[in-house]
């Protein structure tokens, strides 16, 4: 069964850091692009960062550039994708979703490139 499982969300103060993790349960994801989206209350889901299968190409939304870092570890049977979030702001409060698709560029272009979604993990940043 294909699964993306996020962890690491929580309640933090402005300026704090958090690291989110996403574990993909099958070897298939080793050759797929990975991404993190987020959805704040009453807002649309937005792409914040993506990484290609080998980890050599990344994309960041302007809102997180310089503060967030995406990385991945392609092990034999699982793929773990990380989102290091530094200098967190109240506007970063959202549910964060891990996502994956077979190609990097379609994901960066929009959600149509995503084949699988995680269930999300909540990040709350208090002022």
Foldseek 3Di string as FASTA:
>chain_A
DWAWAKDWADEEEAFAKTKMKIKTQFLVLLQWKKFKWWDDPPGDIGTAKIAGNVRPDMDGDPVQPPFWDWGWDNDRTMIMIMIIGGRDDQVVWTWMKMFIANGGVVVVVHPVRTDDIHPTDTHGYHD
